[in-house]
PDB file of N, CA and C in Angstrom:
ATOM      1  N   MET A   1     -42.141  52.669  33.986  1.00  0.00           N
ATOM      2  CA  MET A   1     -41.097  51.861  33.407  1.00  0.00           C
ATOM      3  C   MET A   1     -41.204  51.872  31.887  1.00  0.00           C
ATOM      4  N   ASN A   2     -40.079  51.780  31.274  1.00  0.00           N
ATOM      5  CA  ASN A   2     -40.039  51.728  29.817  1.00  0.00           C
ATOM      6  C   ASN A   2     -40.334  50.317  29.338  1.00  0.00           C
ATOM      7  N   PRO A   3     -40.975  50.182  28.167  1.00  0.00           N
ATOM      8  CA  PRO A   3     -41.190  48.836  27.627  1.00  0.00           C
ATOM      9  C   PRO A   3     -39.851  48.205  27.240  1.00  0.00           C
ATOM     10  N   PRO A   4     -39.756  46.879  27.284  1.00  0.00           N
ATOM     11  CA  PRO A   4     -38.489  46.227  26.948  1.00  0.00           C
ATOM     12  C   PRO A   4     -38.097  46.489  25.498  1.00  0.00           C
ATOM     13  N   VAL A   5     -36.828  46.689  25.280  1.00  0.00           N
ATOM     14  CA  VAL A   5     -36.301  46.944  23.940  1.00  0.00           C
ATOM     15  C   VAL A   5     -36.055  45.604  23.270  1.00  0.00           C
ATOM     16  N   ARG A   6     -36.559  45.467  22.066  1.00  0.00           N
ATOM     17  CA  ARG A   6     -36.366  44.228  21.311  1.00  0.00           C
ATOM     18  C   ARG A   6     -34.921  44.161  20.827  1.00  0.00           C
ATOM     19  N   ARG A   7     -34.266  43.088  21.185  1.00  0.00           N
ATOM     20  CA  ARG A   7     -32.865  42.928  20.801  1.00  0.00           C
ATOM     21  C   ARG A   7     -32.738  41.819  19.771  1.00  0.00           C
ATOM     22  N   GLY A   8     -31.832  41.992  18.855  1.00  0.00           N
ATOM     23  CA  GLY A   8     -31.522  40.958  17.892  1.00  0.00           C
ATOM     24  C   GLY A   8     -32.423  40.969  16.675  1.00  0.00           C
ATOM     25  N   SER A   9     -31.946  40.297  15.646  1.00  0.00           N
ATOM     26  CA  SER A   9     -32.729  40.160  14.422  1.00  0.00           C
ATOM     27  C   SER A   9     -32.319  38.883  13.706  1.00  0.00           C
ATOM     28  N   ILE A  10     -33.189  38.429  12.843  1.00  0.00           N
ATOM     29  CA  ILE A  10     -32.913  37.213  12.091  1.00  0.00           C
ATOM     30  C   ILE A  10     -31.758  37.436  11.122  1.00  0.00           C
ATOM     31  N   ALA A  11     -31.730  38.593  10.477  1.00  0.00           N
ATOM     32  CA  ALA A  11     -30.670  38.875   9.502  1.00  0.00           C
ATOM     33  C   ALA A  11     -29.295  38.885  10.153  1.00  0.00           C
ATOM     34  N   SER A  12     -29.173  39.520  11.316  1.00  0.00           N
ATOM     35  CA  SER A  12     -27.870  39.546  11.979  1.00  0.00           C
ATOM     36  C   SER A  12     -27.477  38.154  12.457  1.00  0.00           C
ATOM     37  N   ALA A  13     -28.456  37.361  12.871  1.00  0.00           N
ATOM     38  CA  ALA A  13     -28.154  35.994  13.296  1.00  0.00           C
ATOM     39  C   ALA A  13     -27.645  35.157  12.124  1.00  0.00           C
ATOM     40  N   ILE A  14     -28.271  35.313  10.959  1.00  0.00           N
ATOM     41  CA  ILE A  14     -27.833  34.571   9.776  1.00  0.00           C
ATOM     42  C   ILE A  14     -26.413  34.955   9.397  1.00  0.00           C
ATOM     43  N   VAL A  15     -26.108  36.246   9.420  1.00  0.00           N
ATOM     44  CA  VAL A  15     -24.763  36.701   9.060  1.00  0.00           C
ATOM     45  C   VAL A  15     -23.737  36.161  10.044  1.00  0.00           C
ATOM     46  N   TRP A  16     -24.012  36.244  11.344  1.00  0.00           N
ATOM     47  CA  TRP A  16     -23.080  35.741  12.355  1.00  0.00           C
ATOM     48  C   TRP A  16     -22.863  34.237  12.197  1.00  0.00           C
ATOM     49  N   MET A  17     -23.944  33.493  11.988  1.00  0.00           N
ATOM     50  CA  MET A  17     -23.808  32.044  11.811  1.00  0.00           C
ATOM     51  C   MET A  17     -22.986  31.714  10.577  1.00  0.00           C
ATOM     52  N   PHE A  18     -23.226  32.427   9.495  1.00  0.00           N
ATOM     53  CA  PHE A  18     -22.502  32.170   8.247  1.00  0.00           C
ATOM     54  C   PHE A  18     -21.015  32.448   8.409  1.00  0.00           C
ATOM     55  N   VAL A  19     -20.679  33.595   8.972  1.00  0.00           N
ATOM     56  CA  VAL A  19     -19.271  33.971   9.122  1.00  0.00           C
ATOM     57  C   VAL A  19     -18.549  33.018  10.069  1.00  0.00           C
ATOM     58  N   LEU A  20     -19.170  32.726  11.197  1.00  0.00           N
ATOM     59  CA  LEU A  20     -18.529  31.812  12.145  1.00  0.00           C
ATOM     60  C   LEU A  20     -18.442  30.393  11.598  1.00  0.00           C
ATOM     61  N   GLU A  21     -19.412  29.984  10.834  1.00  0.00           N
ATOM     62  CA  GLU A  21     -19.369  28.661  10.209  1.00  0.00           C
ATOM     63  C   GLU A  21     -18.194  28.589   9.232  1.00  0.00           C
ATOM     64  N   LEU A  22     -17.951  29.658   8.488  1.00  0.00           N
ATOM     65  CA  LEU A  22     -16.804  29.691   7.579  1.00  0.00           C
ATOM     66  C   LEU A  22     -15.474  29.686   8.334  1.00  0.00           C
ATOM     67  N   LEU A  23     -15.428  30.400   9.447  1.00  0.00           N
ATOM     68  CA  LEU A  23     -14.176  30.482  10.207  1.00  0.00           C
ATOM     69  C   LEU A  23     -13.885  29.227  11.020  1.00  0.00           C
ATOM     70  N   LEU A  24     -14.923  28.536  11.461  1.00  0.00           N
ATOM     71  CA  LEU A  24     -14.742  27.386  12.345  1.00  0.00           C
ATOM     72  C   LEU A  24     -15.076  26.052  11.689  1.00  0.00           C
ATOM     73  N   PHE A  25     -15.080  25.998  10.355  1.00  0.00           N
ATOM     74  CA  PHE A  25     -15.453  24.760   9.672  1.00  0.00           C
ATOM     75  C   PHE A  25     -14.510  23.603   9.992  1.00  0.00           C
ATOM     76  N   TRP A  26     -13.293  23.889  10.368  1.00  0.00           N
ATOM     77  CA  TRP A  26     -12.299  22.855  10.604  1.00  0.00           C
ATOM     78  C   TRP A  26     -12.473  22.147  11.950  1.00  0.00           C
ATOM     79  N   ILE A  27     -13.370  22.632  12.805  1.00  0.00           N
ATOM     80  CA  ILE A  27     -13.693  21.956  14.056  1.00  0.00           C
ATOM     81  C   ILE A  27     -15.028  21.240  13.811  1.00  0.00           C
ATOM     82  N   PRO A  28     -15.036  19.921  13.610  1.00  0.00           N
ATOM     83  CA  PRO A  28     -16.217  19.230  13.081  1.00  0.00           C
ATOM     84  C   PRO A  28     -17.550  19.510  13.764  1.00  0.00           C
ATOM     85  N   PHE A  29     -17.732  19.292  15.016  1.00  0.00           N
ATOM     86  CA  PHE A  29     -19.033  19.468  15.653  1.00  0.00           C
ATOM     87  C   PHE A  29     -19.087  20.769  16.440  1.00  0.00           C
ATOM     88  N   ILE A  30     -18.021  21.070  17.118  1.00  0.00           N
ATOM     89  CA  ILE A  30     -17.974  22.224  18.014  1.00  0.00           C
ATOM     90  C   ILE A  30     -18.058  23.543  17.247  1.00  0.00           C
ATOM     91  N   GLY A  31     -17.464  23.610  16.043  1.00  0.00           N
ATOM     92  CA  GLY A  31     -17.515  24.837  15.256  1.00  0.00           C
ATOM     93  C   GLY A  31     -18.936  25.243  14.903  1.00  0.00           C
ATOM     94  N   SER A  32     -19.736  24.272  14.460  1.00  0.00           N
ATOM     95  CA  SER A  32     -21.133  24.566  14.135  1.00  0.00           C
ATOM     96  C   SER A  32     -21.934  24.887  15.391  1.00  0.00           C
ATOM     97  N   LEU A  33     -21.616  24.211  16.487  1.00  0.00           N
ATOM     98  CA  LEU A  33     -22.300  24.472  17.749  1.00  0.00           C
ATOM     99  C   LEU A  33     -22.039  25.909  18.225  1.00  0.00           C
ATOM    100  N   ILE A  34     -20.795  26.345  18.119  1.00  0.00           N
ATOM    101  CA  ILE A  34     -20.439  27.714  18.522  1.00  0.00           C
ATOM    102  C   ILE A  34     -21.134  28.725  17.604  1.00  0.00           C
ATOM    103  N   ALA A  35     -21.103  28.472  16.294  1.00  0.00           N
ATOM    104  CA  ALA A  35     -21.756  29.386  15.347  1.00  0.00           C
ATOM    105  C   ALA A  35     -23.251  29.476  15.631  1.00  0.00           C
ATOM    106  N   GLY A  36     -23.884  28.352  15.924  1.00  0.00           N
ATOM    107  CA  GLY A  36     -25.305  28.356  16.242  1.00  0.00           C
ATOM    108  C   GLY A  36     -25.600  29.077  17.545  1.00  0.00           C
ATOM    109  N   PHE A  37     -24.744  28.877  18.543  1.00  0.00           N
ATOM    110  CA  PHE A  37     -24.959  29.522  19.838  1.00  0.00           C
ATOM    111  C   PHE A  37     -24.873  31.044  19.709  1.00  0.00           C
ATOM    112  N   VAL A  38     -23.849  31.518  19.022  1.00  0.00           N
ATOM    113  CA  VAL A  38     -23.691  32.964  18.844  1.00  0.00           C
ATOM    114  C   VAL A  38     -24.836  33.516  17.992  1.00  0.00           C
ATOM    115  N   GLY A  39     -25.205  32.801  16.937  1.00  0.00           N
ATOM    116  CA  GLY A  39     -26.335  33.236  16.116  1.00  0.00           C
ATOM    117  C   GLY A  39     -27.633  33.255  16.893  1.00  0.00           C
ATOM    118  N   GLY A  40     -27.828  32.265  17.770  1.00  0.00           N
ATOM    119  CA  GLY A  40     -29.023  32.237  18.607  1.00  0.00           C
ATOM    120  C   GLY A  40     -29.073  33.413  19.562  1.00  0.00           C
ATOM    121  N   GLN A  41     -27.915  33.797  20.082  1.00  0.00           N
ATOM    122  CA  GLN A  41     -27.843  34.970  20.950  1.00  0.00           C
ATOM    123  C   GLN A  41     -28.177  36.235  20.163  1.00  0.00           C
ATOM    124  N   LYS A  42     -27.649  36.331  18.950  1.00  0.00           N
ATOM    125  CA  LYS A  42     -27.897  37.516  18.124  1.00  0.00           C
ATOM    126  C   LYS A  42     -29.341  37.587  17.627  1.00  0.00           C
ATOM    127  N   ALA A  43     -30.004  36.432  17.522  1.00  0.00           N
ATOM    128  CA  ALA A  43     -31.392  36.415  17.044  1.00  0.00           C
ATOM    129  C   ALA A  43     -32.331  37.054  18.049  1.00  0.00           C
ATOM    130  N   GLY A  44     -32.044  36.909  19.327  1.00  0.00           N
ATOM    131  CA  GLY A  44     -32.851  37.572  20.341  1.00  0.00           C
ATOM    132  C   GLY A  44     -33.945  36.727  20.954  1.00  0.00           C
ATOM    133  N   SER A  45     -34.345  35.635  20.282  1.00  0.00           N
ATOM    134  CA  SER A  45     -35.366  34.754  20.846  1.00  0.00           C
ATOM    135  C   SER A  45     -35.209  33.371  20.230  1.00  0.00           C
ATOM    136  N   LEU A  46     -35.841  32.413  20.850  1.00  0.00           N
ATOM    137  CA  LEU A  46     -35.745  31.038  20.365  1.00  0.00           C
ATOM    138  C   LEU A  46     -36.377  30.886  18.981  1.00  0.00           C
ATOM    139  N   GLY A  47     -37.531  31.489  18.775  1.00  0.00           N
ATOM    140  CA  GLY A  47     -38.202  31.401  17.472  1.00  0.00           C
ATOM    141  C   GLY A  47     -37.371  32.002  16.357  1.00  0.00           C
ATOM    142  N   ASN A  48     -36.813  33.166  16.601  1.00  0.00           N
ATOM    143  CA  ASN A  48     -35.963  33.807  15.594  1.00  0.00           C
ATOM    144  C   ASN A  48     -34.702  32.992  15.327  1.00  0.00           C
ATOM    145  N   ALA A  49     -34.165  32.352  16.358  1.00  0.00           N
ATOM    146  CA  ALA A  49     -32.960  31.542  16.194  1.00  0.00           C
ATOM    147  C   ALA A  49     -33.227  30.345  15.286  1.00  0.00           C
ATOM    148  N   VAL A  50     -34.367  29.690  15.476  1.00  0.00           N
ATOM    149  CA  VAL A  50     -34.707  28.533  14.638  1.00  0.00           C
ATOM    150  C   VAL A  50     -34.963  28.975  13.201  1.00  0.00           C
ATOM    151  N   ILE A  51     -35.623  30.092  13.027  1.00  0.00           N
ATOM    152  CA  ILE A  51     -35.843  30.622  11.673  1.00  0.00           C
ATOM    153  C   ILE A  51     -34.511  30.957  11.013  1.00  0.00           C
ATOM    154  N   ALA A  52     -33.581  31.521  11.779  1.00  0.00           N
ATOM    155  CA  ALA A  52     -32.273  31.895  11.231  1.00  0.00           C
ATOM    156  C   ALA A  52     -31.469  30.674  10.806  1.00  0.00           C
ATOM    157  N   VAL A  53     -31.737  29.524  11.377  1.00  0.00           N
ATOM    158  CA  VAL A  53     -31.038  28.308  10.968  1.00  0.00           C
ATOM    159  C   VAL A  53     -31.643  27.748   9.679  1.00  0.00           C
ATOM    160  N   PHE A  54     -32.976  27.680   9.609  1.00  0.00           N
ATOM    161  CA  PHE A  54     -33.621  27.000   8.496  1.00  0.00           C
ATOM    162  C   PHE A  54     -33.862  27.876   7.278  1.00  0.00           C
ATOM    163  N   LEU A  55     -33.970  29.175   7.426  1.00  0.00           N
ATOM    164  CA  LEU A  55     -34.242  30.049   6.283  1.00  0.00           C
ATOM    165  C   LEU A  55     -33.142  29.975   5.217  1.00  0.00           C
ATOM    166  N   PRO A  56     -31.856  30.079   5.570  1.00  0.00           N
ATOM    167  CA  PRO A  56     -30.828  29.957   4.526  1.00  0.00           C
ATOM    168  C   PRO A  56     -30.816  28.580   3.858  1.00  0.00           C
ATOM    169  N   LEU A  57     -31.134  27.540   4.629  1.00  0.00           N
ATOM    170  CA  LEU A  57     -31.183  26.187   4.070  1.00  0.00           C
ATOM    171  C   LEU A  57     -32.254  26.076   2.987  1.00  0.00           C
ATOM    172  N   VAL A  58     -33.429  26.593   3.255  1.00  0.00           N
ATOM    173  CA  VAL A  58     -34.529  26.523   2.292  1.00  0.00           C
ATOM    174  C   VAL A  58     -34.230  27.404   1.077  1.00  0.00           C
ATOM    175  N   ILE A  59     -33.738  28.607   1.303  1.00  0.00           N
ATOM    176  CA  ILE A  59     -33.426  29.504   0.186  1.00  0.00           C
ATOM    177  C   ILE A  59     -32.322  28.921  -0.691  1.00  0.00           C
ATOM    178  N   PHE A  60     -31.283  28.357  -0.061  1.00  0.00           N
ATOM    179  CA  PHE A  60     -30.190  27.738  -0.809  1.00  0.00           C
ATOM    180  C   PHE A  60     -30.709  26.607  -1.694  1.00  0.00           C
ATOM    181  N   SER A  61     -31.583  25.789  -1.158  1.00  0.00           N
ATOM    182  CA  SER A  61     -32.117  24.656  -1.918  1.00  0.00           C
ATOM    183  C   SER A  61     -32.965  25.117  -3.098  1.00  0.00           C
ATOM    184  N   ILE A  62     -33.801  26.111  -2.883  1.00  0.00           N
ATOM    185  CA  ILE A  62     -34.657  26.616  -3.957  1.00  0.00           C
ATOM    186  C   ILE A  62     -33.815  27.249  -5.063  1.00  0.00           C
ATOM    187  N   VAL A  63     -32.862  28.075  -4.690  1.00  0.00           N
ATOM    188  CA  VAL A  63     -32.011  28.732  -5.691  1.00  0.00           C
ATOM    189  C   VAL A  63     -31.189  27.699  -6.453  1.00  0.00           C
ATOM    190  N   LEU A  64     -30.636  26.712  -5.743  1.00  0.00           N
ATOM    191  CA  LEU A  64     -29.857  25.675  -6.414  1.00  0.00           C
ATOM    192  C   LEU A  64     -30.723  24.875  -7.385  1.00  0.00           C
ATOM    193  N   GLY A  65     -31.952  24.542  -6.990  1.00  0.00           N
ATOM    194  CA  GLY A  65     -32.856  23.826  -7.880  1.00  0.00           C
ATOM    195  C   GLY A  65     -33.227  24.643  -9.102  1.00  0.00           C
ATOM    196  N   LEU A  66     -33.493  25.938  -8.916  1.00  0.00           N
ATOM    197  CA  LEU A  66     -33.831  26.801 -10.057  1.00  0.00           C
ATOM    198  C   LEU A  66     -32.654  26.962 -11.012  1.00  0.00           C
ATOM    199  N   LEU A  67     -31.470  27.169 -10.461  1.00  0.00           N
ATOM    200  CA  LEU A  67     -30.293  27.319 -11.319  1.00  0.00           C
ATOM    201  C   LEU A  67     -29.965  26.038 -12.067  1.00  0.00           C
ATOM    202  N   ALA A  68     -30.054  24.907 -11.373  1.00  0.00           N
ATOM    203  CA  ALA A  68     -29.777  23.637 -12.043  1.00  0.00           C
ATOM    204  C   ALA A  68     -30.822  23.350 -13.118  1.00  0.00           C
ATOM    205  N   GLY A  69     -32.072  23.667 -12.835  1.00  0.00           N
ATOM    206  CA  GLY A  69     -33.119  23.480 -13.847  1.00  0.00           C
ATOM    207  C   GLY A  69     -32.925  24.372 -15.049  1.00  0.00           C
ATOM    208  N   ALA A  70     -32.448  25.584 -14.822  1.00  0.00           N
ATOM    209  CA  ALA A  70     -32.215  26.509 -15.935  1.00  0.00           C
ATOM    210  C   ALA A  70     -31.010  26.076 -16.768  1.00  0.00           C
ATOM    211  N   LEU A  71     -29.991  25.561 -16.108  1.00  0.00           N
ATOM    212  CA  LEU A  71     -28.799  25.136 -16.845  1.00  0.00           C
ATOM    213  C   LEU A  71     -29.018  23.827 -17.596  1.00  0.00           C
ATOM    214  N   LEU A  72     -29.782  22.939 -17.010  1.00  0.00           N
ATOM    215  CA  LEU A  72     -29.969  21.621 -17.615  1.00  0.00           C
ATOM    216  C   LEU A  72     -31.171  21.564 -18.550  1.00  0.00           C
ATOM    217  N   THR A  73     -32.007  22.553 -18.542  1.00  0.00           N
ATOM    218  CA  THR A  73     -33.232  22.651 -19.334  1.00  0.00           C
ATOM    219  C   THR A  73     -34.197  21.478 -19.108  1.00  0.00           C
ATOM    220  N   ILE A  74     -33.963  20.726 -18.058  1.00  0.00           N
ATOM    221  CA  ILE A  74     -34.879  19.647 -17.676  1.00  0.00           C
ATOM    222  C   ILE A  74     -35.276  19.910 -16.228  1.00  0.00           C
ATOM    223  N   PRO A  75     -36.483  20.408 -15.983  1.00  0.00           N
ATOM    224  CA  PRO A  75     -36.867  20.799 -14.628  1.00  0.00           C
ATOM    225  C   PRO A  75     -36.782  19.672 -13.600  1.00  0.00           C
ATOM    226  N   LEU A  76     -37.067  18.446 -14.001  1.00  0.00           N
ATOM    227  CA  LEU A  76     -37.026  17.337 -13.053  1.00  0.00           C
ATOM    228  C   LEU A  76     -35.606  17.089 -12.544  1.00  0.00           C
ATOM    229  N   VAL A  77     -34.637  17.177 -13.422  1.00  0.00           N
ATOM    230  CA  VAL A  77     -33.242  17.007 -13.010  1.00  0.00           C
ATOM    231  C   VAL A  77     -32.831  18.162 -12.111  1.00  0.00           C
ATOM    232  N   GLY A  78     -33.296  19.357 -12.411  1.00  0.00           N
ATOM    233  CA  GLY A  78     -33.008  20.505 -11.558  1.00  0.00           C
ATOM    234  C   GLY A  78     -33.612  20.345 -10.178  1.00  0.00           C
ATOM    235  N   ALA A  79     -34.800  19.770 -10.115  1.00  0.00           N
ATOM    236  CA  ALA A  79     -35.426  19.530  -8.815  1.00  0.00           C
ATOM    237  C   ALA A  79     -34.609  18.538  -8.001  1.00  0.00           C
ATOM    238  N   PHE A  80     -34.107  17.493  -8.646  1.00  0.00           N
ATOM    239  CA  PHE A  80     -33.267  16.531  -7.926  1.00  0.00           C
ATOM    240  C   PHE A  80     -31.938  17.144  -7.495  1.00  0.00           C
ATOM    241  N   ALA A  81     -31.392  18.040  -8.307  1.00  0.00           N
ATOM    242  CA  ALA A  81     -30.166  18.727  -7.912  1.00  0.00           C
ATOM    243  C   ALA A  81     -30.425  19.619  -6.697  1.00  0.00           C
ATOM    244  N   GLY A  82     -31.567  20.292  -6.690  1.00  0.00           N
ATOM    245  CA  GLY A  82     -31.945  21.103  -5.529  1.00  0.00           C
ATOM    246  C   GLY A  82     -32.130  20.253  -4.290  1.00  0.00           C
ATOM    247  N   LEU A  83     -32.716  19.073  -4.461  1.00  0.00           N
ATOM    248  CA  LEU A  83     -32.894  18.156  -3.344  1.00  0.00           C
ATOM    249  C   LEU A  83     -31.543  17.670  -2.828  1.00  0.00           C
ATOM    250  N   GLY A  84     -30.612  17.418  -3.745  1.00  0.00           N
ATOM    251  CA  GLY A  84     -29.266  17.021  -3.335  1.00  0.00           C
ATOM    252  C   GLY A  84     -28.578  18.127  -2.556  1.00  0.00           C
ATOM    253  N   GLY A  85     -28.759  19.359  -2.988  1.00  0.00           N
ATOM    254  CA  GLY A  85     -28.200  20.495  -2.249  1.00  0.00           C
ATOM    255  C   GLY A  85     -28.824  20.648  -0.883  1.00  0.00           C
ATOM    256  N   PHE A  86     -30.127  20.371  -0.804  1.00  0.00           N
ATOM    257  CA  PHE A  86     -30.827  20.430   0.471  1.00  0.00           C
ATOM    258  C   PHE A  86     -30.264  19.387   1.435  1.00  0.00           C
ATOM    259  N   VAL A  87     -30.068  18.172   0.956  1.00  0.00           N
ATOM    260  CA  VAL A  87     -29.531  17.109   1.814  1.00  0.00           C
ATOM    261  C   VAL A  87     -28.105  17.444   2.237  1.00  0.00           C
ATOM    262  N   PHE A  88     -27.307  17.944   1.318  1.00  0.00           N
ATOM    263  CA  PHE A  88     -25.928  18.319   1.645  1.00  0.00           C
ATOM    264  C   PHE A  88     -25.897  19.410   2.710  1.00  0.00           C
ATOM    265  N   ALA A  89     -26.726  20.427   2.562  1.00  0.00           N
ATOM    266  CA  ALA A  89     -26.762  21.518   3.536  1.00  0.00           C
ATOM    267  C   ALA A  89     -27.390  21.065   4.849  1.00  0.00           C
ATOM    268  N   ALA A  90     -28.362  20.156   4.782  1.00  0.00           N
ATOM    269  CA  ALA A  90     -29.046  19.698   5.994  1.00  0.00           C
ATOM    270  C   ALA A  90     -28.144  18.864   6.884  1.00  0.00           C
ATOM    271  N   THR A  91     -27.097  18.266   6.322  1.00  0.00           N
ATOM    272  CA  THR A  91     -26.186  17.479   7.153  1.00  0.00           C
ATOM    273  C   THR A  91     -25.435  18.347   8.150  1.00  0.00           C
ATOM    274  N   HIS A  92     -25.327  19.626   7.890  1.00  0.00           N
ATOM    275  CA  HIS A  92     -24.608  20.537   8.780  1.00  0.00           C
ATOM    276  C   HIS A  92     -25.532  21.299   9.724  1.00  0.00           C
ATOM    277  N   VAL A  93     -26.817  21.078   9.621  1.00  0.00           N
ATOM    278  CA  VAL A  93     -27.774  21.858  10.397  1.00  0.00           C
ATOM    279  C   VAL A  93     -27.899  21.356  11.837  1.00  0.00           C
ATOM    280  N   GLY A  94     -27.675  20.079  12.104  1.00  0.00           N
ATOM    281  CA  GLY A  94     -27.872  19.512  13.430  1.00  0.00           C
ATOM    282  C   GLY A  94     -27.181  20.270  14.548  1.00  0.00           C
ATOM    283  N   PRO A  95     -25.845  20.357  14.522  1.00  0.00           N
ATOM    284  CA  PRO A  95     -25.160  21.097  15.586  1.00  0.00           C
ATOM    285  C   PRO A  95     -25.468  22.593  15.564  1.00  0.00           C
ATOM    286  N   LEU A  96     -25.690  23.137  14.380  1.00  0.00           N
ATOM    287  CA  LEU A  96     -26.027  24.553  14.273  1.00  0.00           C
ATOM    288  C   LEU A  96     -27.376  24.820  14.936  1.00  0.00           C
ATOM    289  N   LEU A  97     -28.347  23.934  14.713  1.00  0.00           N
ATOM    290  CA  LEU A  97     -29.664  24.079  15.328  1.00  0.00           C
ATOM    291  C   LEU A  97     -29.586  23.923  16.840  1.00  0.00           C
ATOM    292  N   LEU A  98     -28.813  22.946  17.309  1.00  0.00           N
ATOM    293  CA  LEU A  98     -28.654  22.751  18.749  1.00  0.00           C
ATOM    294  C   LEU A  98     -28.052  23.989  19.404  1.00  0.00           C
ATOM    295  N   GLY A  99     -27.008  24.546  18.793  1.00  0.00           N
ATOM    296  CA  GLY A  99     -26.405  25.765  19.321  1.00  0.00           C
ATOM    297  C   GLY A  99     -27.358  26.944  19.286  1.00  0.00           C
ATOM    298  N   ALA A 100     -28.147  27.057  18.209  1.00  0.00           N
ATOM    299  CA  ALA A 100     -29.105  28.165  18.103  1.00  0.00           C
ATOM    300  C   ALA A 100     -30.188  28.045  19.167  1.00  0.00           C
ATOM    301  N   ILE A 101     -30.639  26.828  19.440  1.00  0.00           N
ATOM    302  CA  ILE A 101     -31.647  26.636  20.485  1.00  0.00           C
ATOM    303  C   ILE A 101     -31.072  27.030  21.841  1.00  0.00           C
ATOM    304  N   LEU A 102     -29.852  26.583  22.123  1.00  0.00           N
ATOM    305  CA  LEU A 102     -29.224  26.944  23.402  1.00  0.00           C
ATOM    306  C   LEU A 102     -29.016  28.450  23.515  1.00  0.00           C
ATOM    307  N   GLY A 103     -28.542  29.080  22.435  1.00  0.00           N
ATOM    308  CA  GLY A 103     -28.347  30.534  22.448  1.00  0.00           C
ATOM    309  C   GLY A 103     -29.645  31.296  22.587  1.00  0.00           C
ATOM    310  N   GLY A 104     -30.690  30.835  21.890  1.00  0.00           N
ATOM    311  CA  GLY A 104     -31.993  31.491  21.994  1.00  0.00           C
ATOM    312  C   GLY A 104     -32.594  31.356  23.383  1.00  0.00           C
ATOM    313  N   LEU A 105     -32.387  30.194  24.013  1.00  0.00           N
ATOM    314  CA  LEU A 105     -32.893  30.000  25.370  1.00  0.00           C
ATOM    315  C   LEU A 105     -32.123  30.845  26.384  1.00  0.00           C
ATOM    316  N   MET A 106     -30.832  31.016  26.152  1.00  0.00           N
ATOM    317  CA  MET A 106     -30.036  31.854  27.059  1.00  0.00           C
ATOM    318  C   MET A 106     -30.514  33.304  27.025  1.00  0.00           C
ATOM    319  N   VAL A 107     -30.845  33.792  25.842  1.00  0.00           N
ATOM    320  CA  VAL A 107     -31.355  35.161  25.721  1.00  0.00           C
ATOM    321  C   VAL A 107     -32.706  35.262  26.392  1.00  0.00           C
ATOM    322  N   GLY A 108     -33.552  34.248  26.190  1.00  0.00           N
ATOM    323  CA  GLY A 108     -34.879  34.263  26.789  1.00  0.00           C
ATOM    324  C   GLY A 108     -34.837  34.202  28.316  1.00  0.00           C
ATOM    325  N   SER A 109     -33.838  33.521  28.869  1.00  0.00           N
ATOM    326  CA  SER A 109     -33.764  33.402  30.324  1.00  0.00           C
ATOM    327  C   SER A 109     -33.259  34.695  30.978  1.00  0.00           C
ATOM    328  N   ARG A 110     -32.543  35.508  30.213  1.00  0.00           N
ATOM    329  CA  ARG A 110     -32.031  36.789  30.754  1.00  0.00           C
ATOM    330  C   ARG A 110     -33.082  37.872  30.731  1.00  0.00           C
ATOM    331  N   ALA A 111     -34.085  37.736  29.873  1.00  0.00           N
ATOM    332  CA  ALA A 111     -35.101  38.795  29.724  1.00  0.00           C
ATOM    333  C   ALA A 111     -36.031  38.870  30.917  1.00  0.00           C
TER     334      ALA A 111
END
């Protein structure tokens, strides 16, 4: 027998979640749930699905904090701006994470 082929990747899951989140933003809870579910399926496993949800959130917060600190020339204010961006982005993670967990579990149950 051949060894199982690894399906999915974190990068493709992030792209799918981002695109679907942009297309379905007008459906308050269900849009993020659908984007997370499809991204979780594309990730290929539960662990990859969770990473695909949180990695863009952390990167967005760090970049926003660095840019705000560079523009304001006061690092502490930039850190608070990054924290504000983190909180703003984290408010949308709940349904996305739930969908990603469900999608990742569905892939795991088929393997």
